[in-house]
Protein backbone atom coordinates (compact mmCIF):
# COMPACT_ATOMS: atom_id res chain seq x y z
CA UNK A 1 0.00 0.02 0.07
CA UNK A 2 2.83 2.48 1.11
CA UNK A 3 4.51 1.40 -2.22
CA UNK A 4 1.38 2.30 -4.25
CA UNK A 5 0.88 5.69 -2.57
CA UNK A 6 4.61 6.51 -3.30
CA UNK A 7 4.28 5.68 -7.12
CA UNK A 8 1.11 7.86 -7.20
CA UNK A 9 2.86 10.62 -5.61
CA UNK A 10 5.87 10.39 -7.98
CA UNK A 11 3.70 10.25 -10.70
CA UNK A 12 1.90 13.35 -9.74
CA UNK A 13 4.99 15.32 -9.12
CA UNK A 14 6.22 14.32 -12.64
CA UNK A 15 3.09 15.26 -14.25
CA UNK A 16 3.44 18.59 -12.59
CA UNK A 17 7.07 19.28 -13.62
CA UNK A 18 6.20 18.26 -17.13
CA UNK A 19 3.24 20.78 -16.97
CA UNK A 20 5.52 23.38 -15.76
CA UNK A 21 7.98 22.61 -18.32
CA UNK A 22 5.37 22.96 -21.13
CA UNK A 23 4.09 26.30 -19.73
CA UNK A 24 7.48 27.52 -19.71
CA UNK A 25 8.20 26.51 -23.34
CA UNK A 26 4.99 27.78 -24.57
CA UNK A 27 5.67 31.16 -22.72
CA UNK A 28 8.91 31.40 -24.21
CA UNK A 29 7.80 30.73 -27.77
CA UNK A 30 5.09 33.25 -27.73
CA UNK A 31 7.46 35.92 -26.08
CA UNK A 32 10.34 35.26 -28.81
CA UNK A 33 8.07 34.80 -32.03
CA UNK A 34 4.57 36.59 -31.27
CA UNK A 35 4.29 39.36 -28.58
CA UNK A 36 6.47 40.77 -25.47
CA UNK A 37 5.13 42.84 -22.73
CA UNK A 38 6.93 46.44 -22.18
CA UNK A 39 6.35 49.40 -19.54
CA UNK A 40 6.91 52.87 -20.20
CA UNK A 41 9.60 54.32 -17.59
CA UNK A 42 10.04 57.83 -19.07
CA UNK A 43 8.08 60.74 -20.76
CA UNK A 44 10.12 60.74 -23.85
CA UNK A 45 7.20 59.42 -26.01
CA UNK A 46 4.44 61.89 -24.46
CA UNK A 47 1.86 62.47 -25.34
CA UNK A 48 1.29 59.31 -27.25
CA UNK A 49 2.95 57.14 -24.24
CA UNK A 50 2.83 57.94 -20.56
CA UNK A 51 4.87 56.74 -17.68
CA UNK A 52 3.01 53.76 -16.11
CA UNK A 53 1.60 52.20 -19.62
CA UNK A 54 2.14 48.84 -20.38
CA UNK A 55 2.01 47.73 -23.95
CA UNK A 56 2.45 44.69 -26.11
CA UNK A 57 5.08 44.58 -28.93
CA UNK A 58 4.63 42.38 -31.62
CA UNK A 59 7.84 40.57 -32.67
CA UNK A 60 6.87 39.26 -36.16
CA UNK A 61 6.40 42.52 -38.34
CA UNK A 62 9.90 43.27 -38.83
CA UNK A 63 11.42 39.36 -38.84
CA UNK A 64 13.61 38.18 -36.24
CA UNK A 65 17.31 38.85 -35.15
CA UNK A 66 19.25 37.78 -32.00
CA UNK A 67 17.41 40.23 -29.96
CA UNK A 68 14.16 38.52 -30.58
CA UNK A 69 15.62 35.63 -28.22
CA UNK A 70 15.62 35.76 -24.71
CA UNK A 71 18.89 37.18 -23.21
CA UNK A 72 19.96 38.33 -27.19
CA UNK A 73 21.64 34.83 -27.49
CA UNK A 74 23.87 35.15 -30.64
CA UNK A 75 22.64 32.25 -32.58
CA UNK A 76 22.73 34.16 -35.73
CA UNK A 77 23.22 37.36 -37.32
CA UNK A 78 21.29 39.97 -39.19
CA UNK A 79 17.71 39.32 -39.44
CA UNK A 80 15.61 36.49 -40.92
CA UNK A 81 12.18 36.94 -42.46
CA UNK A 82 12.81 40.42 -42.68
CA UNK A 83 10.05 42.99 -43.69
CA UNK A 84 10.35 46.88 -44.20
CA UNK A 85 9.71 49.29 -41.37
CA UNK A 86 7.16 51.93 -42.04
CA UNK A 87 7.96 55.43 -41.23
CA UNK A 88 5.84 56.27 -38.19
CA UNK A 89 6.12 53.05 -36.62
CA UNK A 90 6.44 53.14 -32.71
CA UNK A 91 9.36 50.72 -32.32
CA UNK A 92 11.21 48.92 -29.51
CA UNK A 93 14.89 48.22 -29.98
CA UNK A 94 18.41 47.78 -28.19
CA UNK A 95 20.15 50.78 -27.73
CA UNK A 96 23.16 50.57 -30.13
CA UNK A 97 25.78 51.74 -27.53
CA UNK A 98 25.23 48.88 -25.45
CA UNK A 99 23.14 46.44 -27.26
CA UNK A 100 21.44 45.69 -23.91
CA UNK A 101 19.02 48.67 -22.96
CA UNK A 102 15.50 48.66 -24.44
CA UNK A 103 14.38 51.93 -25.91
CA UNK A 104 11.08 52.97 -27.45
CA UNK A 105 10.82 55.87 -30.02
CA UNK A 106 9.09 56.52 -33.37
CA UNK A 107 10.64 55.75 -36.64
CA UNK A 108 11.14 58.96 -38.72
CA UNK A 109 13.84 58.07 -41.05
CA UNK A 110 14.48 55.11 -43.19
CA UNK A 111 17.77 54.11 -45.23
CA UNK A 112 18.56 56.86 -47.51
CA UNK A 113 16.67 59.58 -46.11
CA UNK A 114 18.13 62.86 -45.06
CA UNK A 115 16.60 63.89 -41.79
CA UNK A 116 17.29 67.71 -40.26
CA UNK A 117 15.58 69.80 -37.62
CA UNK A 118 14.99 73.46 -38.38
CA UNK A 119 13.62 75.68 -35.84
CA UNK A 120 11.93 72.44 -34.24
CA UNK A 121 10.16 71.53 -37.59
CA UNK A 122 11.18 68.16 -38.71
CA UNK A 123 12.40 67.70 -42.40
CA UNK A 124 12.52 64.83 -44.32
CA UNK A 125 14.61 64.78 -47.87
CA UNK A 126 14.46 68.40 -47.66
CA UNK A 127 10.64 69.13 -47.09
CA UNK A 128 9.28 70.23 -43.96
CA UNK A 129 6.60 67.75 -42.14
CA UNK A 130 3.33 69.03 -41.83
CA UNK A 131 2.85 70.53 -38.31
CA UNK A 132 -0.31 72.07 -37.01
CA UNK A 133 -0.43 73.45 -33.53
CA UNK A 134 -3.36 72.33 -31.42
CA UNK A 135 -4.57 72.62 -27.86
CA UNK A 136 -2.13 72.26 -25.08
CA UNK A 137 -1.51 68.83 -23.60
CA UNK A 138 -2.27 68.91 -19.97
CA UNK A 139 -0.66 66.50 -17.58
CA UNK A 140 0.46 65.91 -13.92
CA UNK A 141 4.08 65.09 -13.02
CA UNK A 142 4.92 62.80 -10.32
CA UNK A 143 4.77 65.38 -7.66
CA UNK A 144 1.04 66.02 -8.77
CA UNK A 145 1.65 69.13 -10.37
CA UNK A 146 -0.63 70.43 -13.50
CA UNK A 147 1.77 70.93 -16.37
CA UNK A 148 0.51 72.52 -19.74
CA UNK A 149 2.82 71.93 -22.93
CA UNK A 150 2.59 73.23 -26.35
CA UNK A 151 1.20 70.19 -28.61
CA UNK A 152 1.37 69.86 -32.44
CA UNK A 153 -0.05 67.31 -34.84
CA UNK A 154 2.38 66.18 -37.27
CA UNK A 155 1.70 64.51 -40.45
CA UNK A 156 4.05 62.37 -42.46
CA UNK A 157 4.18 62.08 -46.46
CA UNK A 158 2.47 58.45 -46.05
CA UNK A 159 -0.51 59.90 -43.99
CA UNK A 160 0.69 58.88 -40.91
CA UNK A 161 -0.61 61.64 -38.09
CA UNK A 162 0.31 61.79 -34.70
CA UNK A 163 1.00 64.21 -31.83
CA UNK A 164 4.36 65.77 -30.52
CA UNK A 165 5.08 68.01 -27.53
CA UNK A 166 7.39 71.21 -27.78
CA UNK A 167 8.39 72.20 -24.35
CA UNK A 168 10.98 75.00 -25.61
CA UNK A 169 10.72 76.58 -28.99
CA UNK A 170 14.57 76.97 -28.92
CA UNK A 171 15.77 73.40 -27.59
CA UNK A 172 19.01 71.88 -27.78
CA UNK A 173 18.16 69.82 -30.71
CA UNK A 174 15.66 71.95 -32.63
CA UNK A 175 18.32 72.95 -35.18
CA UNK A 176 20.56 70.18 -36.44
CA UNK A 177 22.67 69.39 -39.34
CA UNK A 178 21.58 66.65 -41.90
CA UNK A 179 21.62 63.18 -40.99
CA UNK A 180 21.72 60.65 -43.78
CA UNK A 181 20.34 57.46 -42.57
CA UNK A 182 22.86 54.73 -43.65
CA UNK A 183 21.83 51.37 -45.43
CA UNK A 184 20.35 48.86 -42.84
CA UNK A 185 19.83 51.57 -40.19
CA UNK A 186 16.76 53.91 -39.10
CA UNK A 187 16.37 57.12 -37.32
CA UNK A 188 13.90 57.58 -34.63
CA UNK A 189 12.93 60.36 -32.54
CA UNK A 190 10.47 60.68 -29.31
CA UNK A 191 7.45 62.50 -29.51
CA UNK A 192 8.27 64.56 -26.76
CA UNK A 193 10.61 66.42 -28.81
CA UNK A 194 12.67 68.19 -26.31
CA UNK A 195 12.83 65.78 -23.73
CA UNK A 196 13.96 62.66 -25.71
CA UNK A 197 17.71 61.04 -26.03
CA UNK A 198 17.05 59.68 -29.86
CA UNK A 199 18.99 59.40 -33.16
CA UNK A 200 19.62 63.30 -32.85
CA UNK A 201 22.09 62.39 -30.33
CA UNK A 202 25.04 60.53 -31.46
CA UNK A 203 27.29 60.99 -28.22
CA UNK A 204 25.48 59.54 -25.41
CA UNK A 205 22.40 59.34 -27.20
CA UNK A 206 21.05 56.78 -29.67
CA UNK A 207 22.31 57.82 -33.29
CA UNK A 208 21.61 55.49 -36.02
CA UNK A 209 19.75 52.28 -35.19
CA UNK A 210 21.02 49.22 -36.96
CA UNK A 211 18.03 47.07 -38.49
CA UNK A 212 19.32 44.03 -36.34
CA UNK A 213 18.54 46.02 -33.20
CA UNK A 214 14.77 46.13 -33.51
CA UNK A 215 13.00 43.85 -31.17
CA UNK A 216 9.39 44.87 -32.78
CA UNK A 217 6.44 47.11 -33.17
CA UNK A 218 4.16 48.58 -30.40
CA UNK A 219 0.70 47.37 -30.85
CA UNK A 220 -1.39 48.33 -28.09
CA UNK A 221 -1.58 49.39 -24.40
CA UNK A 222 -3.14 46.89 -22.44
CA UNK A 223 -2.90 48.57 -18.87
CA UNK A 224 -1.98 52.14 -17.53
CA UNK A 225 -1.45 53.49 -14.16
CA UNK A 226 -0.70 56.82 -12.92
CA UNK A 227 1.84 55.88 -10.13
CA UNK A 228 -0.26 57.45 -7.28
CA UNK A 229 -0.58 53.99 -5.60
CA UNK A 230 2.12 51.96 -4.06
CA UNK A 231 1.92 48.11 -4.20
CA UNK A 232 0.69 47.60 -0.69
CA UNK A 233 -2.10 50.45 -1.09
CA UNK A 234 -4.46 47.96 -2.48
CA UNK A 235 -7.33 50.34 -1.58
CA UNK A 236 -5.74 52.96 -4.22
CA UNK A 237 -5.38 50.82 -7.14
CA UNK A 238 -8.49 51.63 -8.67
CA UNK A 239 -8.27 54.96 -8.57
CA UNK A 240 -4.56 54.98 -9.88
CA UNK A 241 -5.65 53.11 -13.08
CA UNK A 242 -5.83 55.14 -16.50
CA UNK A 243 -8.89 52.95 -17.69
CA UNK A 244 -9.26 55.34 -20.66
CA UNK A 245 -5.92 54.04 -21.96
CA UNK A 246 -6.73 50.39 -21.92
CA UNK A 247 -6.66 48.89 -25.22
CA UNK A 248 -5.42 51.94 -26.93
CA UNK A 249 -4.03 50.89 -30.36
CA UNK A 250 -0.55 52.28 -31.19
CA UNK A 251 -0.55 51.11 -34.98
CA UNK A 252 0.70 53.86 -37.26
CA UNK A 253 -1.68 54.64 -40.10
CA UNK A 254 -3.19 57.41 -41.93
CA UNK A 255 -5.56 59.39 -39.64
């Protein structure tokens, strides 16, 4: 009887371990080939993305590179099943200077493009991007202070339209030289134009982004919190959630 019970217990443990292994394999497969969750820790993509947003990034639109794999295992170089990136896509990538840190920005320049900022206006291949000032963006900082920031609607030549912020009409990167995007590289910028370390900043910033460093395309915000509730403050969880941002699509497209 004791022997029978022991065999049953051993079998149950074995089944549990097998189930856990299957679950891990399935989770890793989904994370590698389909979707991976990310959260937003900074305001560089405001007003599109806010600190405390949680989003899903699809891994398959641009094909796969070593950075699609857990820990960035160097099993192969370049990209496989590669598809072109569209101007206006919001992408997650590995920071070129360390190939470890995850960054999220909007693609504004494709290989061969000439990119320049003139008086805060983005120019692509010598032509100014359409830019229309709209109502100010109103937001609260971490201290709860209400802020108002100039907001603009920009529209790319392909019809992709989105909002950007302009904190300072004479910001440090509002006037630049001409950046010529190399082959198999991209140029990306934050929507919060004066508060973004991006491709406009080569030293200590982002610079050009190798195609291999792309992880995926931001698809949808699935959860958002304003950070006003600590983990232990269960009674404040509900009021800290920004329900209006749940399931907000991030796909770039004509608007």
